[in-house]
Amino acid sequence: MTGSSRSGLLWGLGAYTCWGLVPLYFALLKRYGLSAGEILAQRIVWSLPLLLLLVTLHRQPRAELRRALADRSLMMRLGASASLLAVNWLLYIYATVTDRVAEASHGYFLLPLVNAALGSALLGERLRPAHYPALALVALSAALPLLLNGQGGWLPLALPLTFGLYSLLRKQIPLDSIAALTVETALLLPPSAAYLLLAGSGHHHLGATPAATAAILASGLVTVVPLLAFTLALRRLTLLALSFLQFLSPAVQLLLALTVLGEHLDPTRLAALACAALAVLLFLTDALLAPHPPAPRLNPAHRTPLTAASHPSAPPRHPSPPSR
């Protein structure tokens, strides 16, 4: 393993571990009395300054941001992606504040396979043979709570579906990830600020106590720091390595749910998670055994990969960052 790969692995482990630990942060905000809606609004408000700082410090995101602002069609698509992202964030926060982190982790175990199904259905991407039994296990995993308990497990479906649709849309938006997230956050700022000013007759928890204020202000760091680590890992690791690392986040979430947050798995949820784990195992085994293209050739003038993904009109060929 080269030095670059080692640093990429460390950045990737850091990013996915942070995303796995996010439920602890949301649980802390819940203790200070914040609702899921307020947590979402505060997160958006305090993430934007840090994202703007990142854009200011880096030339490529700065140029990409200017290009996005000048393109009405691009801004409309970013508005749609921002709406999906906000719904996904709200669902995940809701899962945490209602003690359903284990269900949320179930959903994120299914995310790569939901992405594969959406890519096949809507983008014409070809599924590999191993994906079909994996997707059948995903369907069984989602159906078991309804079949055995008579109650649909909507949250483990809603989380990967909303983020899968978000990723599908973002895949077709030719924009740097930091610049795109900055635009999305800026578009979500007005409704978030209005919510904080108007909801509950203007009552919110910023300034209630020094501890609560510090915790709320940290929401920008909680959002942006893992994203930055992810982008650094993305530049240094292969897609195969990232496909393995992305399962670290829901694994940490599940461990926290069962050990720190006091949640319990009933037999139905345990069986559903077992189906999800088998699907993940099939997915990863296929990813490991599948032939992989050679490493991209570097442009000697700029030391950048000469691939379709380097063309500004090509969609990104890497996984979208998790949404926590």
Protein backbone atom coordinates (compact mmCIF):
# COMPACT_ATOMS: atom_id res chain seq x y z
CA MET A 1 0.00 0.00 0.00
CA THR A 2 1.38 3.38 -1.01
CA GLY A 3 1.56 6.38 1.30
CA SER A 4 -1.33 7.98 -0.57
CA SER A 5 -3.47 4.86 -0.15
CA ARG A 6 -2.66 4.68 3.56
CA SER A 7 -3.65 8.30 4.09
CA GLY A 8 -6.79 7.73 1.99
CA LEU A 9 -7.69 4.75 4.16
CA LEU A 10 -7.27 6.83 7.32
CA TRP A 11 -9.38 9.67 5.91
CA GLY A 12 -12.04 7.18 4.81
CA LEU A 13 -12.11 5.43 8.18
CA GLY A 14 -12.38 8.81 9.87
CA ALA A 15 -15.24 9.96 7.63
CA TYR A 16 -17.36 6.83 7.94
CA THR A 17 -16.69 6.50 11.67
CA CYS A 18 -17.81 10.11 12.20
CA TRP A 19 -20.98 9.46 10.23
CA GLY A 20 -21.57 6.35 12.32
CA LEU A 21 -21.20 8.37 15.55
CA VAL A 22 -23.60 11.16 14.47
CA PRO A 23 -26.55 9.61 16.41
CA LEU A 24 -24.73 10.46 19.65
CA TYR A 25 -24.67 14.11 18.62
CA PHE A 26 -28.37 14.16 17.70
CA ALA A 27 -29.19 12.38 20.98
CA LEU A 28 -27.31 15.17 22.81
CA LEU A 29 -29.36 17.84 21.04
CA LYS A 30 -32.51 15.92 21.95
CA ARG A 31 -31.47 16.13 25.62
CA TYR A 32 -31.36 19.92 25.28
CA GLY A 33 -34.95 19.84 24.05
CA LEU A 34 -34.49 20.27 20.31
CA SER A 35 -37.05 18.67 18.01
CA ALA A 36 -36.10 16.92 14.77
CA GLY A 37 -37.22 19.96 12.78
CA GLU A 38 -35.12 22.37 14.81
CA ILE A 39 -32.06 20.11 14.63
CA LEU A 40 -32.38 20.05 10.84
CA ALA A 41 -32.84 23.82 10.59
CA GLN A 42 -29.91 24.59 12.91
CA ARG A 43 -27.71 22.13 11.03
CA ILE A 44 -28.41 23.87 7.72
CA VAL A 45 -27.92 27.37 9.13
CA TRP A 46 -24.56 26.61 10.76
CA SER A 47 -23.20 24.39 7.98
CA LEU A 48 -23.40 27.12 5.34
CA PRO A 49 -20.65 29.41 6.80
CA LEU A 50 -18.17 26.51 6.92
CA LEU A 51 -19.04 25.40 3.40
CA LEU A 52 -18.58 28.94 2.11
CA LEU A 53 -15.19 29.04 3.85
CA LEU A 54 -14.17 25.80 2.12
CA VAL A 55 -15.30 27.18 -1.23
CA THR A 56 -13.35 30.39 -0.64
CA LEU A 57 -10.15 28.50 0.20
CA HIS A 58 -10.23 26.16 -2.81
CA ARG A 59 -10.09 27.36 -6.39
CA GLN A 60 -12.03 24.54 -8.09
CA PRO A 61 -15.13 24.68 -5.84
CA ARG A 62 -15.07 28.48 -6.12
CA ALA A 63 -15.12 28.34 -9.92
CA GLU A 64 -17.77 25.60 -9.87
CA LEU A 65 -19.96 27.66 -7.55
CA ARG A 66 -19.83 30.65 -9.91
CA ARG A 67 -20.74 28.37 -12.82
CA ALA A 68 -23.72 26.93 -10.95
CA LEU A 69 -25.06 30.35 -9.98
CA ALA A 70 -24.99 31.43 -13.63
CA ASP A 71 -26.87 28.35 -14.88
CA ARG A 72 -30.62 28.45 -14.24
CA SER A 73 -31.18 24.82 -15.25
CA LEU A 74 -28.41 23.68 -12.92
CA MET A 75 -29.88 25.68 -10.06
CA MET A 76 -33.31 24.11 -10.61
CA ARG A 77 -31.81 20.61 -10.46
CA LEU A 78 -29.87 21.55 -7.34
CA GLY A 79 -33.13 22.80 -5.83
CA ALA A 80 -34.67 19.37 -6.42
CA SER A 81 -31.64 17.58 -4.97
CA ALA A 82 -31.64 19.93 -1.95
CA SER A 83 -35.28 19.00 -1.24
CA LEU A 84 -34.47 15.28 -1.31
CA LEU A 85 -31.43 15.83 0.91
CA ALA A 86 -33.48 17.78 3.46
CA VAL A 87 -36.10 15.01 3.60
CA ASN A 88 -33.39 12.39 4.07
CA TRP A 89 -31.65 14.39 6.81
CA LEU A 90 -34.97 14.95 8.58
CA LEU A 91 -35.82 11.24 8.47
CA TYR A 92 -32.44 10.31 9.92
CA ILE A 93 -32.70 12.89 12.69
CA TYR A 94 -36.25 11.69 13.40
CA ALA A 95 -34.94 8.12 13.67
CA THR A 96 -32.40 9.23 16.28
CA VAL A 97 -34.70 11.34 18.45
CA THR A 98 -37.38 8.61 18.44
CA ASP A 99 -34.89 5.85 19.44
CA ARG A 100 -34.93 4.09 16.07
CA VAL A 101 -31.22 4.16 15.23
CA ALA A 102 -31.16 0.39 14.66
CA GLU A 103 -33.85 0.80 11.99
CA ALA A 104 -31.85 3.62 10.41
CA SER A 105 -28.73 1.46 10.29
CA HIS A 106 -30.80 -1.27 8.62
CA GLY A 107 -31.73 1.22 5.91
CA TYR A 108 -28.16 2.33 5.27
CA PHE A 109 -26.99 -1.28 4.99
CA LEU A 110 -29.44 -1.50 2.09
CA LEU A 111 -28.36 1.75 0.42
CA PRO A 112 -25.79 0.37 -2.10
CA LEU A 113 -28.29 -2.20 -3.33
CA VAL A 114 -31.07 0.38 -3.60
CA ASN A 115 -28.63 2.49 -5.64
CA ALA A 116 -27.99 -0.52 -7.89
CA ALA A 117 -31.72 -1.06 -8.41
CA LEU A 118 -32.35 2.63 -9.20
CA GLY A 119 -29.39 2.73 -11.57
CA SER A 120 -30.67 -0.32 -13.41
CA ALA A 121 -34.27 0.90 -13.61
CA LEU A 122 -33.68 4.57 -14.44
CA LEU A 123 -30.20 4.84 -15.96
CA GLY A 124 -30.02 1.57 -17.86
CA GLU A 125 -27.04 0.35 -15.84
CA ARG A 126 -26.53 -3.41 -16.05
CA LEU A 127 -26.82 -5.47 -12.90
CA ARG A 128 -24.27 -8.19 -12.29
CA PRO A 129 -25.60 -11.74 -11.71
CA ALA A 130 -24.88 -11.60 -7.97
CA HIS A 131 -27.00 -8.45 -7.63
CA TYR A 132 -30.27 -10.29 -8.31
CA PRO A 133 -30.22 -12.58 -5.24
CA ALA A 134 -28.88 -9.65 -3.20
CA LEU A 135 -31.82 -7.50 -4.25
CA ALA A 136 -34.22 -10.37 -3.47
CA LEU A 137 -32.75 -10.48 0.04
CA VAL A 138 -33.22 -6.70 0.31
CA ALA A 139 -36.90 -7.10 -0.62
CA LEU A 140 -37.29 -9.87 1.96
CA SER A 141 -35.50 -7.76 4.56
CA ALA A 142 -37.93 -4.90 3.98
CA ALA A 143 -41.01 -7.16 3.91
CA LEU A 144 -40.32 -9.23 7.04
CA PRO A 145 -41.70 -6.69 9.58
CA LEU A 146 -44.97 -6.57 7.62
CA LEU A 147 -45.14 -10.34 7.12
CA LEU A 148 -44.33 -11.30 10.72
CA ASN A 149 -45.67 -8.36 12.76
CA GLY A 150 -48.29 -6.89 10.46
CA GLN A 151 -46.46 -3.56 10.62
CA GLY A 152 -44.49 -2.09 7.75
CA GLY A 153 -40.92 -1.08 8.46
CA TRP A 154 -41.18 2.16 6.46
CA LEU A 155 -38.11 3.89 7.90
CA PRO A 156 -35.50 1.37 6.63
CA LEU A 157 -37.06 1.81 3.18
CA ALA A 158 -37.56 5.58 3.25
CA LEU A 159 -33.97 6.38 4.23
CA PRO A 160 -32.16 4.54 1.41
CA LEU A 161 -34.87 5.43 -1.13
CA THR A 162 -34.70 9.18 -0.48
CA PHE A 163 -30.91 9.20 -0.47
CA GLY A 164 -30.80 6.86 -3.47
CA LEU A 165 -33.01 9.28 -5.43
CA TYR A 166 -30.83 12.16 -4.22
CA SER A 167 -27.70 10.34 -5.41
CA LEU A 168 -29.37 9.53 -8.73
CA LEU A 169 -30.12 13.21 -9.30
CA ARG A 170 -26.72 14.40 -8.10
CA LYS A 171 -25.02 11.85 -10.36
CA GLN A 172 -26.42 13.78 -13.31
CA ILE A 173 -25.40 17.23 -12.03
CA PRO A 174 -21.90 18.05 -13.34
CA LEU A 175 -20.64 19.93 -10.30
CA ASP A 176 -17.93 19.56 -7.65
CA SER A 177 -19.36 17.91 -4.52
CA ILE A 178 -18.43 20.74 -2.12
CA ALA A 179 -19.78 23.42 -4.47
CA ALA A 180 -22.99 21.44 -4.99
CA LEU A 181 -23.55 20.92 -1.26
CA THR A 182 -22.92 24.64 -0.70
CA VAL A 183 -25.60 25.58 -3.22
CA GLU A 184 -28.02 23.01 -1.78
CA THR A 185 -27.46 24.31 1.75
CA ALA A 186 -27.89 27.92 0.61
CA LEU A 187 -31.19 27.02 -1.06
CA LEU A 188 -32.38 25.38 2.17
CA LEU A 189 -31.34 28.38 4.29
CA PRO A 190 -34.48 30.56 3.82
CA PRO A 191 -37.01 27.91 4.94
CA SER A 192 -34.68 26.86 7.77
CA ALA A 193 -34.30 30.43 9.03
CA ALA A 194 -38.06 30.97 8.71
CA TYR A 195 -38.70 27.81 10.74
CA LEU A 196 -36.39 28.98 13.52
CA LEU A 197 -37.98 32.43 13.58
CA LEU A 198 -41.62 31.40 13.33
CA ALA A 199 -42.08 27.86 14.71
CA GLY A 200 -43.33 27.75 18.26
CA SER A 201 -43.95 31.52 18.38
CA GLY A 202 -40.30 32.18 17.70
CA HIS A 203 -39.00 29.85 20.43
CA HIS A 204 -35.83 27.91 19.78
CA HIS A 205 -32.92 26.72 21.90
CA LEU A 206 -30.00 28.78 20.60
CA GLY A 207 -28.90 30.88 23.55
CA ALA A 208 -30.97 28.90 26.06
CA THR A 209 -27.85 27.74 27.92
CA PRO A 210 -24.12 27.95 27.10
CA ALA A 211 -23.96 24.16 26.69
CA ALA A 212 -26.95 24.00 24.37
CA THR A 213 -25.62 26.91 22.31
CA ALA A 214 -22.19 25.30 21.93
CA ALA A 215 -23.79 22.01 20.89
CA ILE A 216 -25.97 23.73 18.29
CA LEU A 217 -23.09 25.76 16.85
CA ALA A 218 -21.11 22.52 16.46
CA SER A 219 -23.69 21.24 13.93
CA GLY A 220 -21.71 22.86 11.11
CA LEU A 221 -18.56 20.99 12.08
CA VAL A 222 -20.50 17.73 12.48
CA THR A 223 -21.77 18.12 8.92
CA VAL A 224 -18.73 19.49 7.10
CA VAL A 225 -15.73 17.76 8.69
CA PRO A 226 -16.73 14.19 7.69
CA LEU A 227 -17.57 15.44 4.21
CA LEU A 228 -14.10 16.97 3.85
CA ALA A 229 -12.49 13.73 5.09
CA PHE A 230 -14.58 11.79 2.59
CA THR A 231 -13.45 13.96 -0.33
CA LEU A 232 -9.81 13.50 0.72
CA ALA A 233 -10.31 9.71 0.86
CA LEU A 234 -12.05 9.77 -2.50
CA ARG A 235 -8.95 11.19 -4.19
CA ARG A 236 -6.69 8.49 -2.77
CA LEU A 237 -8.71 5.24 -2.73
CA THR A 238 -10.21 2.96 -5.36
CA LEU A 239 -13.97 2.56 -5.68
CA LEU A 240 -13.62 -1.01 -4.41
CA ALA A 241 -12.03 0.20 -1.19
CA LEU A 242 -14.78 2.76 -0.73
CA SER A 243 -17.47 0.14 -1.35
CA PHE A 244 -16.11 -1.77 1.65
CA LEU A 245 -15.66 1.29 3.86
CA GLN A 246 -19.21 2.58 3.33
CA PHE A 247 -20.63 -0.25 5.44
CA LEU A 248 -18.63 0.94 8.46
CA SER A 249 -21.09 3.76 9.15
CA PRO A 250 -24.28 1.65 9.61
CA ALA A 251 -22.26 -0.94 11.54
CA VAL A 252 -21.17 1.74 14.04
CA GLN A 253 -24.75 3.05 14.21
CA LEU A 254 -26.09 -0.41 15.00
CA LEU A 255 -23.44 -0.98 17.66
CA LEU A 256 -24.27 2.36 19.30
CA ALA A 257 -27.99 1.63 19.20
CA LEU A 258 -27.53 -1.64 21.06
CA THR A 259 -24.85 -0.58 23.55
CA VAL A 260 -25.09 3.15 24.28
CA LEU A 261 -28.57 4.24 23.22
CA GLY A 262 -30.38 1.35 24.90
CA GLU A 263 -32.29 0.03 21.89
CA HIS A 264 -33.24 -3.63 21.53
CA LEU A 265 -33.72 -5.89 18.52
CA ASP A 266 -36.85 -8.00 18.44
CA PRO A 267 -36.66 -11.32 16.53
CA THR A 268 -38.31 -9.78 13.46
CA ARG A 269 -35.84 -6.91 13.23
CA LEU A 270 -32.98 -9.34 13.85
CA ALA A 271 -34.17 -11.55 10.97
CA ALA A 272 -34.53 -8.49 8.71
CA LEU A 273 -30.99 -7.37 9.56
CA ALA A 274 -29.71 -10.90 8.88
CA CYS A 275 -31.22 -10.73 5.37
CA ALA A 276 -29.60 -7.32 4.88
CA ALA A 277 -26.25 -8.70 6.07
CA LEU A 278 -26.45 -11.58 3.57
CA ALA A 279 -27.27 -9.12 0.80
CA VAL A 280 -24.27 -6.99 1.79
CA LEU A 281 -22.05 -10.09 1.83
CA LEU A 282 -23.13 -11.01 -1.70
CA PHE A 283 -22.58 -7.42 -2.85
CA LEU A 284 -19.08 -7.18 -1.36
CA THR A 285 -18.02 -10.64 -2.53
CA ASP A 286 -19.08 -9.79 -6.06
CA ALA A 287 -17.26 -6.43 -5.86
CA LEU A 288 -14.10 -8.19 -4.68
CA LEU A 289 -14.15 -10.90 -7.37
CA ALA A 290 -15.26 -8.74 -10.29
CA PRO A 291 -12.58 -7.66 -12.79
CA HIS A 292 -11.51 -4.05 -12.30
CA PRO A 293 -10.24 -1.53 -14.84
CA PRO A 294 -6.58 -0.53 -14.68
CA ALA A 295 -5.58 2.53 -12.70
CA PRO A 296 -6.25 5.75 -14.62
CA ARG A 297 -3.39 7.17 -16.67
CA LEU A 298 -2.20 10.55 -15.41
CA ASN A 299 -2.04 13.70 -17.47
CA PRO A 300 1.64 14.69 -17.27
CA ALA A 301 0.79 18.37 -17.44
CA HIS A 302 -1.65 18.42 -14.52
CA ARG A 303 -1.19 15.00 -12.86
CA THR A 304 -4.94 14.30 -13.07
CA PRO A 305 -6.60 11.08 -14.24
CA LEU A 306 -7.45 10.97 -17.95
CA THR A 307 -10.91 9.47 -17.52
CA ALA A 308 -14.42 10.39 -18.57
CA ALA A 309 -15.03 11.59 -15.04
CA SER A 310 -12.47 14.36 -15.51
CA HIS A 311 -14.59 15.93 -18.24
CA PRO A 312 -16.76 18.72 -16.80
CA SER A 313 -19.89 17.38 -18.48
CA ALA A 314 -19.49 13.82 -17.21
CA PRO A 315 -21.35 12.67 -14.09
CA PRO A 316 -19.21 11.75 -11.07
CA ARG A 317 -18.10 8.14 -11.07
CA HIS A 318 -17.77 7.86 -7.33
CA PRO A 319 -20.30 7.14 -4.60
CA SER A 320 -22.10 10.11 -3.12
CA PRO A 321 -21.13 10.91 0.45
CA PRO A 322 -23.44 9.54 3.13
CA SER A 323 -26.06 11.95 4.29
CA ARG A 324 -25.80 11.96 8.00
